[in-house]
């Protein structure tokens, strides 16, 4: 990926990526695309050597390159979709690795419905694939407009589809699926090719009240998560959606969590008819 560049411009629904036939520029950007990049346009360089830019006043590209609005960009070739997701993660002020230069740039409402800072419900998961049980979690949870869905790439779970699977396509399809829901969808972790324990990002989110939405299977395993005491101490409230857990087990786990964080609030949500649906079973792992 060395020498490739993700170049963005625009605002809101007109946030665009510079691309041609599903690829991104490489090498001499000015000669290849006609776009002149300034030092002020540079955002960051990732561990793969890919450079990320935001151009405030773009020129008209040449040689078949185009500014494509993200809302109409269906897929990218190779691993470029993962790189685009990584770049868009920098627009989210609530997340630990946001970029200050991008805080005033609006994302299309298809991806981010509203800005949230004080009270956020994070709903993380690999969602591989997304199913009716996940949708039911959103329906049952109160304060729906405060939910940020956080899809992740789990390197130990088999991707749905073939080797040409595009992370951007997965993200955009999920956003289209939830288009009429009040929740927002964060893209920044979809490009990761390593494990991403919740402890590495959740306590560092720039939110006063950090809440989690999860199934009761995840709730019952919380004390097995990495650095679970530190994680549990950072949570304001947990919304628990029924799956397979028994009432006695849930009460026991609640007591265990409250012994770690006495201020923790736990709300058990109503039962629903999709409790037995599992992404693992759908994948056939």
C-alpha atoms as a PDB file:
ATOM      1  CA  UNK A   1       0.000   0.000   0.000  1.00  0.00           C
ATOM      2  CA  UNK A   2       3.035   2.282   0.186  1.00  0.00           C
ATOM      3  CA  UNK A   3       2.745   5.595  -1.721  1.00  0.00           C
ATOM      4  CA  UNK A   4      -1.042   5.354  -2.122  1.00  0.00           C
ATOM      5  CA  UNK A   5      -3.125   8.350  -1.011  1.00  0.00           C
ATOM      6  CA  UNK A   6      -6.688   8.767   0.281  1.00  0.00           C
ATOM      7  CA  UNK A   7      -7.783  12.259  -0.808  1.00  0.00           C
ATOM      8  CA  UNK A   8     -11.102  13.690   0.388  1.00  0.00           C
ATOM      9  CA  UNK A   9     -12.925  16.959  -0.199  1.00  0.00           C
ATOM     10  CA  UNK A  10     -16.351  18.514   0.363  1.00  0.00           C
ATOM     11  CA  UNK A  11     -18.791  18.553   3.249  1.00  0.00           C
ATOM     12  CA  UNK A  12     -21.936  16.697   4.304  1.00  0.00           C
ATOM     13  CA  UNK A  13     -23.649  14.924   1.410  1.00  0.00           C
ATOM     14  CA  UNK A  14     -20.960  16.302  -0.902  1.00  0.00           C
ATOM     15  CA  UNK A  15     -18.053  14.697   0.924  1.00  0.00           C
ATOM     16  CA  UNK A  16     -16.114  13.117  -1.944  1.00  0.00           C
ATOM     17  CA  UNK A  17     -13.206  10.753  -2.568  1.00  0.00           C
ATOM     18  CA  UNK A  18     -10.738  11.109  -5.446  1.00  0.00           C
ATOM     19  CA  UNK A  19     -10.903   7.809  -7.324  1.00  0.00           C
ATOM     20  CA  UNK A  20     -10.888   6.158 -10.734  1.00  0.00           C
ATOM     21  CA  UNK A  21     -12.491   2.774 -11.383  1.00  0.00           C
ATOM     22  CA  UNK A  22     -12.381   1.857  -7.718  1.00  0.00           C
ATOM     23  CA  UNK A  23      -8.715   2.646  -7.111  1.00  0.00           C
ATOM     24  CA  UNK A  24      -6.966   5.537  -5.341  1.00  0.00           C
ATOM     25  CA  UNK A  25      -3.989   7.632  -6.524  1.00  0.00           C
ATOM     26  CA  UNK A  26      -0.421   6.430  -6.226  1.00  0.00           C
ATOM     27  CA  UNK A  27       2.899   8.186  -6.751  1.00  0.00           C
ATOM     28  CA  UNK A  28       3.037  11.697  -8.253  1.00  0.00           C
ATOM     29  CA  UNK A  29      -0.471  12.985  -7.425  1.00  0.00           C
ATOM     30  CA  UNK A  30      -0.206  16.221  -9.447  1.00  0.00           C
ATOM     31  CA  UNK A  31       1.022  14.506 -12.616  1.00  0.00           C
ATOM     32  CA  UNK A  32      -1.391  11.601 -12.281  1.00  0.00           C
ATOM     33  CA  UNK A  33      -4.571  13.413 -11.256  1.00  0.00           C
ATOM     34  CA  UNK A  34      -4.042  17.149 -11.747  1.00  0.00           C
ATOM     35  CA  UNK A  35      -4.701  17.769  -8.044  1.00  0.00           C
ATOM     36  CA  UNK A  36      -2.169  19.985  -6.303  1.00  0.00           C
ATOM     37  CA  UNK A  37      -1.694  19.027  -2.650  1.00  0.00           C
ATOM     38  CA  UNK A  38      -0.414  21.512  -0.062  1.00  0.00           C
ATOM     39  CA  UNK A  39       1.223  20.856   3.274  1.00  0.00           C
ATOM     40  CA  UNK A  40      -1.935  22.126   5.003  1.00  0.00           C
ATOM     41  CA  UNK A  41      -3.979  19.393   3.263  1.00  0.00           C
ATOM     42  CA  UNK A  42      -2.024  16.557   4.869  1.00  0.00           C
ATOM     43  CA  UNK A  43      -3.769  14.742   7.733  1.00  0.00           C
ATOM     44  CA  UNK A  44      -1.682  11.710   8.691  1.00  0.00           C
ATOM     45  CA  UNK A  45       0.226   8.691   7.410  1.00  0.00           C
ATOM     46  CA  UNK A  46      -0.755   5.231   8.639  1.00  0.00           C
ATOM     47  CA  UNK A  47       1.454   2.276   9.520  1.00  0.00           C
ATOM     48  CA  UNK A  48       1.292   1.006   5.926  1.00  0.00           C
ATOM     49  CA  UNK A  49       2.687   4.274   4.587  1.00  0.00           C
ATOM     50  CA  UNK A  50      -0.626   5.391   3.057  1.00  0.00           C
ATOM     51  CA  UNK A  51      -1.053   9.173   3.193  1.00  0.00           C
ATOM     52  CA  UNK A  52      -4.388  10.841   3.992  1.00  0.00           C
ATOM     53  CA  UNK A  53      -5.426  14.291   2.782  1.00  0.00           C
ATOM     54  CA  UNK A  54      -8.401  16.635   2.977  1.00  0.00           C
ATOM     55  CA  UNK A  55      -8.484  19.287   0.243  1.00  0.00           C
ATOM     56  CA  UNK A  56     -10.561  22.354   1.060  1.00  0.00           C
ATOM     57  CA  UNK A  57     -10.442  23.953  -2.410  1.00  0.00           C
ATOM     58  CA  UNK A  58     -10.029  21.154  -4.965  1.00  0.00           C
ATOM     59  CA  UNK A  59      -9.088  21.490  -8.627  1.00  0.00           C
ATOM     60  CA  UNK A  60     -10.846  19.589 -11.389  1.00  0.00           C
ATOM     61  CA  UNK A  61      -9.072  16.237 -11.808  1.00  0.00           C
ATOM     62  CA  UNK A  62      -7.630  14.944 -15.088  1.00  0.00           C
ATOM     63  CA  UNK A  63      -6.888  11.582 -16.749  1.00  0.00           C
ATOM     64  CA  UNK A  64     -10.249  10.061 -15.818  1.00  0.00           C
ATOM     65  CA  UNK A  65      -9.984  10.736 -12.074  1.00  0.00           C
ATOM     66  CA  UNK A  66     -13.181  11.949 -10.420  1.00  0.00           C
ATOM     67  CA  UNK A  67     -14.476  13.363  -7.153  1.00  0.00           C
ATOM     68  CA  UNK A  68     -17.092  10.747  -6.240  1.00  0.00           C
ATOM     69  CA  UNK A  69     -19.592  11.533  -3.428  1.00  0.00           C
ATOM     70  CA  UNK A  70     -19.245   8.887  -0.719  1.00  0.00           C
ATOM     71  CA  UNK A  71     -22.999   8.320  -0.574  1.00  0.00           C
ATOM     72  CA  UNK A  72     -22.870   7.007  -4.172  1.00  0.00           C
ATOM     73  CA  UNK A  73     -19.517   5.178  -3.945  1.00  0.00           C
ATOM     74  CA  UNK A  74     -20.471   1.495  -3.933  1.00  0.00           C
ATOM     75  CA  UNK A  75     -17.101  -0.244  -3.549  1.00  0.00           C
ATOM     76  CA  UNK A  76     -13.337   0.089  -3.927  1.00  0.00           C
ATOM     77  CA  UNK A  77     -10.787  -2.402  -5.172  1.00  0.00           C
ATOM     78  CA  UNK A  78      -8.107  -4.244  -3.168  1.00  0.00           C
ATOM     79  CA  UNK A  79      -7.909  -3.021   0.433  1.00  0.00           C
ATOM     80  CA  UNK A  80      -8.764   0.581  -0.435  1.00  0.00           C
ATOM     81  CA  UNK A  81     -12.188   0.324   1.225  1.00  0.00           C
ATOM     82  CA  UNK A  82     -10.531  -0.399   4.564  1.00  0.00           C
ATOM     83  CA  UNK A  83      -8.329   2.675   4.120  1.00  0.00           C
ATOM     84  CA  UNK A  84     -11.353   4.872   3.426  1.00  0.00           C
ATOM     85  CA  UNK A  85     -13.061   3.579   6.568  1.00  0.00           C
ATOM     86  CA  UNK A  86      -9.911   4.366   8.546  1.00  0.00           C
ATOM     87  CA  UNK A  87      -9.897   7.918   7.173  1.00  0.00           C
ATOM     88  CA  UNK A  88     -13.567   8.548   7.980  1.00  0.00           C
ATOM     89  CA  UNK A  89     -13.008   7.395  11.544  1.00  0.00           C
ATOM     90  CA  UNK A  90     -10.930  10.541  12.048  1.00  0.00           C
ATOM     91  CA  UNK A  91     -14.062  12.703  11.560  1.00  0.00           C
ATOM     92  CA  UNK A  92     -15.665  11.395  14.774  1.00  0.00           C
ATOM     93  CA  UNK A  93     -14.833  13.776  17.605  1.00  0.00           C
ATOM     94  CA  UNK A  94     -16.074  11.351  20.267  1.00  0.00           C
ATOM     95  CA  UNK A  95     -13.498   8.710  19.316  1.00  0.00           C
ATOM     96  CA  UNK A  96      -9.959   8.639  20.752  1.00  0.00           C
ATOM     97  CA  UNK A  97      -8.071   9.017  17.454  1.00  0.00           C
ATOM     98  CA  UNK A  98     -10.155  11.798  15.865  1.00  0.00           C
ATOM     99  CA  UNK A  99      -8.355  14.503  13.882  1.00  0.00           C
ATOM    100  CA  UNK A 100      -8.848  18.121  15.007  1.00  0.00           C
ATOM    101  CA  UNK A 101      -8.599  19.402  11.417  1.00  0.00           C
ATOM    102  CA  UNK A 102     -11.735  17.418  10.552  1.00  0.00           C
ATOM    103  CA  UNK A 103     -13.945  18.377  13.497  1.00  0.00           C
ATOM    104  CA  UNK A 104     -15.747  21.101  11.523  1.00  0.00           C
ATOM    105  CA  UNK A 105     -16.302  18.869   8.483  1.00  0.00           C
ATOM    106  CA  UNK A 106     -19.726  17.229   8.433  1.00  0.00           C
ATOM    107  CA  UNK A 107     -20.240  13.635   7.382  1.00  0.00           C
ATOM    108  CA  UNK A 108     -23.233  12.643   5.237  1.00  0.00           C
ATOM    109  CA  UNK A 109     -26.257  11.987   7.503  1.00  0.00           C
ATOM    110  CA  UNK A 110     -26.396   8.498   5.985  1.00  0.00           C
ATOM    111  CA  UNK A 111     -23.363   7.736   8.178  1.00  0.00           C
ATOM    112  CA  UNK A 112     -23.718  10.109  11.108  1.00  0.00           C
ATOM    113  CA  UNK A 113     -27.186  11.311  12.111  1.00  0.00           C
ATOM    114  CA  UNK A 114     -26.083  13.818  14.768  1.00  0.00           C
ATOM    115  CA  UNK A 115     -23.157  14.937  16.904  1.00  0.00           C
ATOM    116  CA  UNK A 116     -23.030  13.278  20.311  1.00  0.00           C
ATOM    117  CA  UNK A 117     -20.700  14.235  23.136  1.00  0.00           C
ATOM    118  CA  UNK A 118     -22.351  14.025  26.601  1.00  0.00           C
ATOM    119  CA  UNK A 119     -24.251  10.749  26.642  1.00  0.00           C
ATOM    120  CA  UNK A 120     -23.580   7.993  24.089  1.00  0.00           C
ATOM    121  CA  UNK A 121     -24.662   4.345  23.822  1.00  0.00           C
ATOM    122  CA  UNK A 122     -22.004   2.367  21.962  1.00  0.00           C
ATOM    123  CA  UNK A 123     -23.148  -0.836  20.241  1.00  0.00           C
ATOM    124  CA  UNK A 124     -19.969  -2.684  19.187  1.00  0.00           C
ATOM    125  CA  UNK A 125     -19.678  -6.006  17.360  1.00  0.00           C
ATOM    126  CA  UNK A 126     -18.373  -7.751  14.268  1.00  0.00           C
ATOM    127  CA  UNK A 127     -21.947  -7.954  12.870  1.00  0.00           C
ATOM    128  CA  UNK A 128     -20.709 -10.557  10.410  1.00  0.00           C
ATOM    129  CA  UNK A 129     -23.365 -10.624   9.122  1.00  0.00           C
ATOM    130  CA  UNK A 130     -25.866  -8.111  10.471  1.00  0.00           C
ATOM    131  CA  UNK A 131     -29.178  -9.844  11.238  1.00  0.00           C
ATOM    132  CA  UNK A 132     -32.638  -9.290  12.749  1.00  0.00           C
ATOM    133  CA  UNK A 133     -31.360  -9.888  16.265  1.00  0.00           C
ATOM    134  CA  UNK A 134     -29.027  -6.897  15.950  1.00  0.00           C
ATOM    135  CA  UNK A 135     -31.875  -4.795  14.605  1.00  0.00           C
ATOM    136  CA  UNK A 136     -34.017  -5.817  17.570  1.00  0.00           C
ATOM    137  CA  UNK A 137     -31.294  -4.550  19.921  1.00  0.00           C
ATOM    138  CA  UNK A 138     -31.685  -1.100  18.367  1.00  0.00           C
ATOM    139  CA  UNK A 139     -35.489  -1.266  18.593  1.00  0.00           C
ATOM    140  CA  UNK A 140     -35.528  -2.273  22.262  1.00  0.00           C
ATOM    141  CA  UNK A 141     -32.937   0.214  23.468  1.00  0.00           C
ATOM    142  CA  UNK A 142     -34.275   3.550  24.777  1.00  0.00           C
ATOM    143  CA  UNK A 143     -32.644   6.831  23.696  1.00  0.00           C
ATOM    144  CA  UNK A 144     -32.178   5.450  20.179  1.00  0.00           C
ATOM    145  CA  UNK A 145     -30.732   8.693  18.807  1.00  0.00           C
ATOM    146  CA  UNK A 146     -27.806   8.325  21.236  1.00  0.00           C
ATOM    147  CA  UNK A 147     -26.679   4.992  19.770  1.00  0.00           C
ATOM    148  CA  UNK A 148     -23.469   4.690  17.773  1.00  0.00           C
ATOM    149  CA  UNK A 149     -23.117   1.304  16.094  1.00  0.00           C
ATOM    150  CA  UNK A 150     -19.426   0.311  16.076  1.00  0.00           C
ATOM    151  CA  UNK A 151     -18.796  -2.464  13.527  1.00  0.00           C
ATOM    152  CA  UNK A 152     -15.439  -4.150  13.926  1.00  0.00           C
ATOM    153  CA  UNK A 153     -13.325  -6.542  11.898  1.00  0.00           C
ATOM    154  CA  UNK A 154     -12.548  -9.646  13.895  1.00  0.00           C
ATOM    155  CA  UNK A 155      -9.508 -11.378  12.305  1.00  0.00           C
ATOM    156  CA  UNK A 156     -10.631 -14.735  13.783  1.00  0.00           C
ATOM    157  CA  UNK A 157     -14.056 -14.674  12.152  1.00  0.00           C
ATOM    158  CA  UNK A 158     -14.551 -15.748   8.555  1.00  0.00           C
ATOM    159  CA  UNK A 159     -15.739 -12.824   6.362  1.00  0.00           C
ATOM    160  CA  UNK A 160     -19.065 -13.263   4.614  1.00  0.00           C
ATOM    161  CA  UNK A 161     -18.354 -13.335   0.882  1.00  0.00           C
ATOM    162  CA  UNK A 162     -15.171 -14.002  -1.062  1.00  0.00           C
ATOM    163  CA  UNK A 163     -11.615 -12.665  -0.972  1.00  0.00           C
ATOM    164  CA  UNK A 164     -12.655  -9.514  -2.844  1.00  0.00           C
ATOM    165  CA  UNK A 165     -14.786  -8.447   0.117  1.00  0.00           C
ATOM    166  CA  UNK A 166     -14.695  -4.647   0.419  1.00  0.00           C
ATOM    167  CA  UNK A 167     -14.838  -3.111   3.901  1.00  0.00           C
ATOM    168  CA  UNK A 168     -16.278   0.108   2.502  1.00  0.00           C
ATOM    169  CA  UNK A 169     -19.055  -1.848   0.784  1.00  0.00           C
ATOM    170  CA  UNK A 170     -19.890  -3.540   4.103  1.00  0.00           C
ATOM    171  CA  UNK A 171     -19.997  -0.198   5.900  1.00  0.00           C
ATOM    172  CA  UNK A 172     -22.094   1.574   3.264  1.00  0.00           C
ATOM    173  CA  UNK A 173     -24.554  -1.350   3.036  1.00  0.00           C
ATOM    174  CA  UNK A 174     -25.037  -1.286   6.810  1.00  0.00           C
ATOM    175  CA  UNK A 175     -25.630   2.479   6.690  1.00  0.00           C
ATOM    176  CA  UNK A 176     -28.220   2.011   3.925  1.00  0.00           C
ATOM    177  CA  UNK A 177     -29.898  -0.743   5.939  1.00  0.00           C
ATOM    178  CA  UNK A 178     -30.152   1.595   8.943  1.00  0.00           C
ATOM    179  CA  UNK A 179     -30.887   4.702   6.869  1.00  0.00           C
ATOM    180  CA  UNK A 180     -34.242   5.338   8.562  1.00  0.00           C
ATOM    181  CA  UNK A 181     -32.998   4.536  12.066  1.00  0.00           C
ATOM    182  CA  UNK A 182     -31.841   7.367  14.353  1.00  0.00           C
ATOM    183  CA  UNK A 183     -28.515   5.680  15.186  1.00  0.00           C
ATOM    184  CA  UNK A 184     -25.149   6.585  13.662  1.00  0.00           C
ATOM    185  CA  UNK A 185     -22.567   4.093  12.367  1.00  0.00           C
ATOM    186  CA  UNK A 186     -18.840   4.484  13.053  1.00  0.00           C
ATOM    187  CA  UNK A 187     -16.458   3.143  10.340  1.00  0.00           C
ATOM    188  CA  UNK A 188     -13.002   3.539  11.860  1.00  0.00           C
ATOM    189  CA  UNK A 189     -12.388  -0.045  13.069  1.00  0.00           C
ATOM    190  CA  UNK A 190     -13.515  -1.888   9.935  1.00  0.00           C
ATOM    191  CA  UNK A 191     -10.089  -1.760   8.337  1.00  0.00           C
ATOM    192  CA  UNK A 192      -8.240  -3.287  11.279  1.00  0.00           C
ATOM    193  CA  UNK A 193      -6.425  -6.569  10.705  1.00  0.00           C
ATOM    194  CA  UNK A 194      -5.702  -7.152  14.371  1.00  0.00           C
ATOM    195  CA  UNK A 195      -7.735  -7.734  17.494  1.00  0.00           C
ATOM    196  CA  UNK A 196      -9.391  -4.639  18.919  1.00  0.00           C
ATOM    197  CA  UNK A 197     -10.384  -5.235  22.566  1.00  0.00           C
ATOM    198  CA  UNK A 198     -13.011  -2.814  23.888  1.00  0.00           C
ATOM    199  CA  UNK A 199     -10.576  -1.650  26.579  1.00  0.00           C
ATOM    200  CA  UNK A 200      -8.298  -0.121  23.918  1.00  0.00           C
ATOM    201  CA  UNK A 201     -10.866   2.477  22.855  1.00  0.00           C
ATOM    202  CA  UNK A 202     -14.020   2.609  25.002  1.00  0.00           C
ATOM    203  CA  UNK A 203     -12.575   4.253  28.174  1.00  0.00           C
ATOM    204  CA  UNK A 204     -10.790   6.814  25.972  1.00  0.00           C
ATOM    205  CA  UNK A 205     -13.912   8.007  24.147  1.00  0.00           C
ATOM    206  CA  UNK A 206     -14.533  11.724  24.614  1.00  0.00           C
ATOM    207  CA  UNK A 207     -17.916  11.255  26.237  1.00  0.00           C
ATOM    208  CA  UNK A 208     -19.088  12.143  29.728  1.00  0.00           C
ATOM    209  CA  UNK A 209     -21.456   9.172  30.063  1.00  0.00           C
ATOM    210  CA  UNK A 210     -20.146   6.073  28.312  1.00  0.00           C
ATOM    211  CA  UNK A 211     -22.809   3.405  27.847  1.00  0.00           C
ATOM    212  CA  UNK A 212     -22.830  -0.027  26.214  1.00  0.00           C
ATOM    213  CA  UNK A 213     -25.586  -1.948  24.423  1.00  0.00           C
ATOM    214  CA  UNK A 214     -24.982  -5.712  24.272  1.00  0.00           C
ATOM    215  CA  UNK A 215     -26.557  -9.145  24.246  1.00  0.00           C
ATOM    216  CA  UNK A 216     -26.747 -11.049  27.515  1.00  0.00           C
ATOM    217  CA  UNK A 217     -24.120 -13.522  26.237  1.00  0.00           C
ATOM    218  CA  UNK A 218     -21.605 -10.666  26.070  1.00  0.00           C
ATOM    219  CA  UNK A 219     -22.839  -9.361  29.428  1.00  0.00           C
ATOM    220  CA  UNK A 220     -22.213 -12.736  31.081  1.00  0.00           C
ATOM    221  CA  UNK A 221     -18.664 -12.843  29.700  1.00  0.00           C
ATOM    222  CA  UNK A 222     -17.636  -9.284  30.617  1.00  0.00           C
ATOM    223  CA  UNK A 223     -15.402 -10.401  33.480  1.00  0.00           C
ATOM    224  CA  UNK A 224     -13.435 -12.474  30.967  1.00  0.00           C
ATOM    225  CA  UNK A 225     -12.666  -9.472  28.777  1.00  0.00           C
ATOM    226  CA  UNK A 226      -9.206  -7.918  28.709  1.00  0.00           C
ATOM    227  CA  UNK A 227      -8.586  -5.532  31.662  1.00  0.00           C
ATOM    228  CA  UNK A 228     -12.226  -6.043  32.657  1.00  0.00           C
ATOM    229  CA  UNK A 229     -11.977  -4.139  35.962  1.00  0.00           C
ATOM    230  CA  UNK A 230     -10.705  -1.000  34.215  1.00  0.00           C
ATOM    231  CA  UNK A 231     -13.316  -1.380  31.489  1.00  0.00           C
ATOM    232  CA  UNK A 232     -16.246  -1.933  33.870  1.00  0.00           C
ATOM    233  CA  UNK A 233     -15.140   1.035  35.983  1.00  0.00           C
ATOM    234  CA  UNK A 234     -15.432   3.275  32.905  1.00  0.00           C
ATOM    235  CA  UNK A 235     -19.025   2.282  32.027  1.00  0.00           C
ATOM    236  CA  UNK A 236     -21.924   4.478  33.103  1.00  0.00           C
ATOM    237  CA  UNK A 237     -24.743   2.156  32.020  1.00  0.00           C
ATOM    238  CA  UNK A 238     -25.202  -1.203  30.277  1.00  0.00           C
ATOM    239  CA  UNK A 239     -28.325  -2.032  28.265  1.00  0.00           C
ATOM    240  CA  UNK A 240     -28.667  -5.837  28.139  1.00  0.00           C
ATOM    241  CA  UNK A 241     -30.699  -7.528  25.397  1.00  0.00           C
ATOM    242  CA  UNK A 242     -31.907 -11.100  26.141  1.00  0.00           C
ATOM    243  CA  UNK A 243     -30.326 -13.943  24.188  1.00  0.00           C
ATOM    244  CA  UNK A 244     -29.581 -17.209  25.970  1.00  0.00           C
ATOM    245  CA  UNK A 245     -28.806 -16.222  29.560  1.00  0.00           C
ATOM    246  CA  UNK A 246     -30.879 -17.457  32.477  1.00  0.00           C
ATOM    247  CA  UNK A 247     -32.269 -15.037  35.040  1.00  0.00           C
ATOM    248  CA  UNK A 248     -30.224 -16.498  37.893  1.00  0.00           C
ATOM    249  CA  UNK A 249     -26.971 -16.190  35.901  1.00  0.00           C
ATOM    250  CA  UNK A 250     -27.781 -12.595  34.995  1.00  0.00           C
ATOM    251  CA  UNK A 251     -28.450 -11.646  38.624  1.00  0.00           C
ATOM    252  CA  UNK A 252     -25.173 -13.231  39.720  1.00  0.00           C
ATOM    253  CA  UNK A 253     -23.212 -11.410  37.028  1.00  0.00           C
ATOM    254  CA  UNK A 254     -24.931  -8.129  37.878  1.00  0.00           C
ATOM    255  CA  UNK A 255     -23.773  -8.469  41.486  1.00  0.00           C
ATOM    256  CA  UNK A 256     -20.230  -9.248  40.349  1.00  0.00           C
ATOM    257  CA  UNK A 257     -20.111  -6.139  38.128  1.00  0.00           C
ATOM    258  CA  UNK A 258     -21.565  -3.886  40.836  1.00  0.00           C
ATOM    259  CA  UNK A 259     -18.876  -5.062  43.231  1.00  0.00           C
ATOM    260  CA  UNK A 260     -16.344  -3.647  40.764  1.00  0.00           C
ATOM    261  CA  UNK A 261     -18.274  -0.468  39.912  1.00  0.00           C
ATOM    262  CA  UNK A 262     -21.024   0.333  42.481  1.00  0.00           C
ATOM    263  CA  UNK A 263     -22.156   3.312  40.379  1.00  0.00           C
ATOM    264  CA  UNK A 264     -22.763   1.143  37.316  1.00  0.00           C
ATOM    265  CA  UNK A 265     -26.352   1.139  36.038  1.00  0.00           C
ATOM    266  CA  UNK A 266     -27.685  -2.023  34.402  1.00  0.00           C
ATOM    267  CA  UNK A 267     -30.955  -2.186  32.476  1.00  0.00           C
ATOM    268  CA  UNK A 268     -32.312  -5.516  31.231  1.00  0.00           C
ATOM    269  CA  UNK A 269     -34.413  -5.045  28.092  1.00  0.00           C
ATOM    270  CA  UNK A 270     -37.525  -7.051  27.107  1.00  0.00           C
ATOM    271  CA  UNK A 271     -37.424 -10.423  25.356  1.00  0.00           C
ATOM    272  CA  UNK A 272     -37.851 -10.632  21.589  1.00  0.00           C
ATOM    273  CA  UNK A 273     -38.486 -13.316  18.956  1.00  0.00           C
ATOM    274  CA  UNK A 274     -35.035 -13.175  17.331  1.00  0.00           C
ATOM    275  CA  UNK A 275     -33.003 -14.093  20.422  1.00  0.00           C
ATOM    276  CA  UNK A 276     -31.667 -17.360  19.010  1.00  0.00           C
ATOM    277  CA  UNK A 277     -30.332 -15.890  15.762  1.00  0.00           C
ATOM    278  CA  UNK A 278     -26.533 -16.012  15.683  1.00  0.00           C
ATOM    279  CA  UNK A 279     -24.008 -14.591  13.205  1.00  0.00           C
ATOM    280  CA  UNK A 280     -21.811 -17.623  13.952  1.00  0.00           C
ATOM    281  CA  UNK A 281     -24.571 -20.017  12.895  1.00  0.00           C
ATOM    282  CA  UNK A 282     -25.328 -17.969   9.776  1.00  0.00           C
ATOM    283  CA  UNK A 283     -21.641 -18.087   8.781  1.00  0.00           C
ATOM    284  CA  UNK A 284     -21.509 -21.799   9.537  1.00  0.00           C
ATOM    285  CA  UNK A 285     -18.257 -21.499  11.536  1.00  0.00           C
END
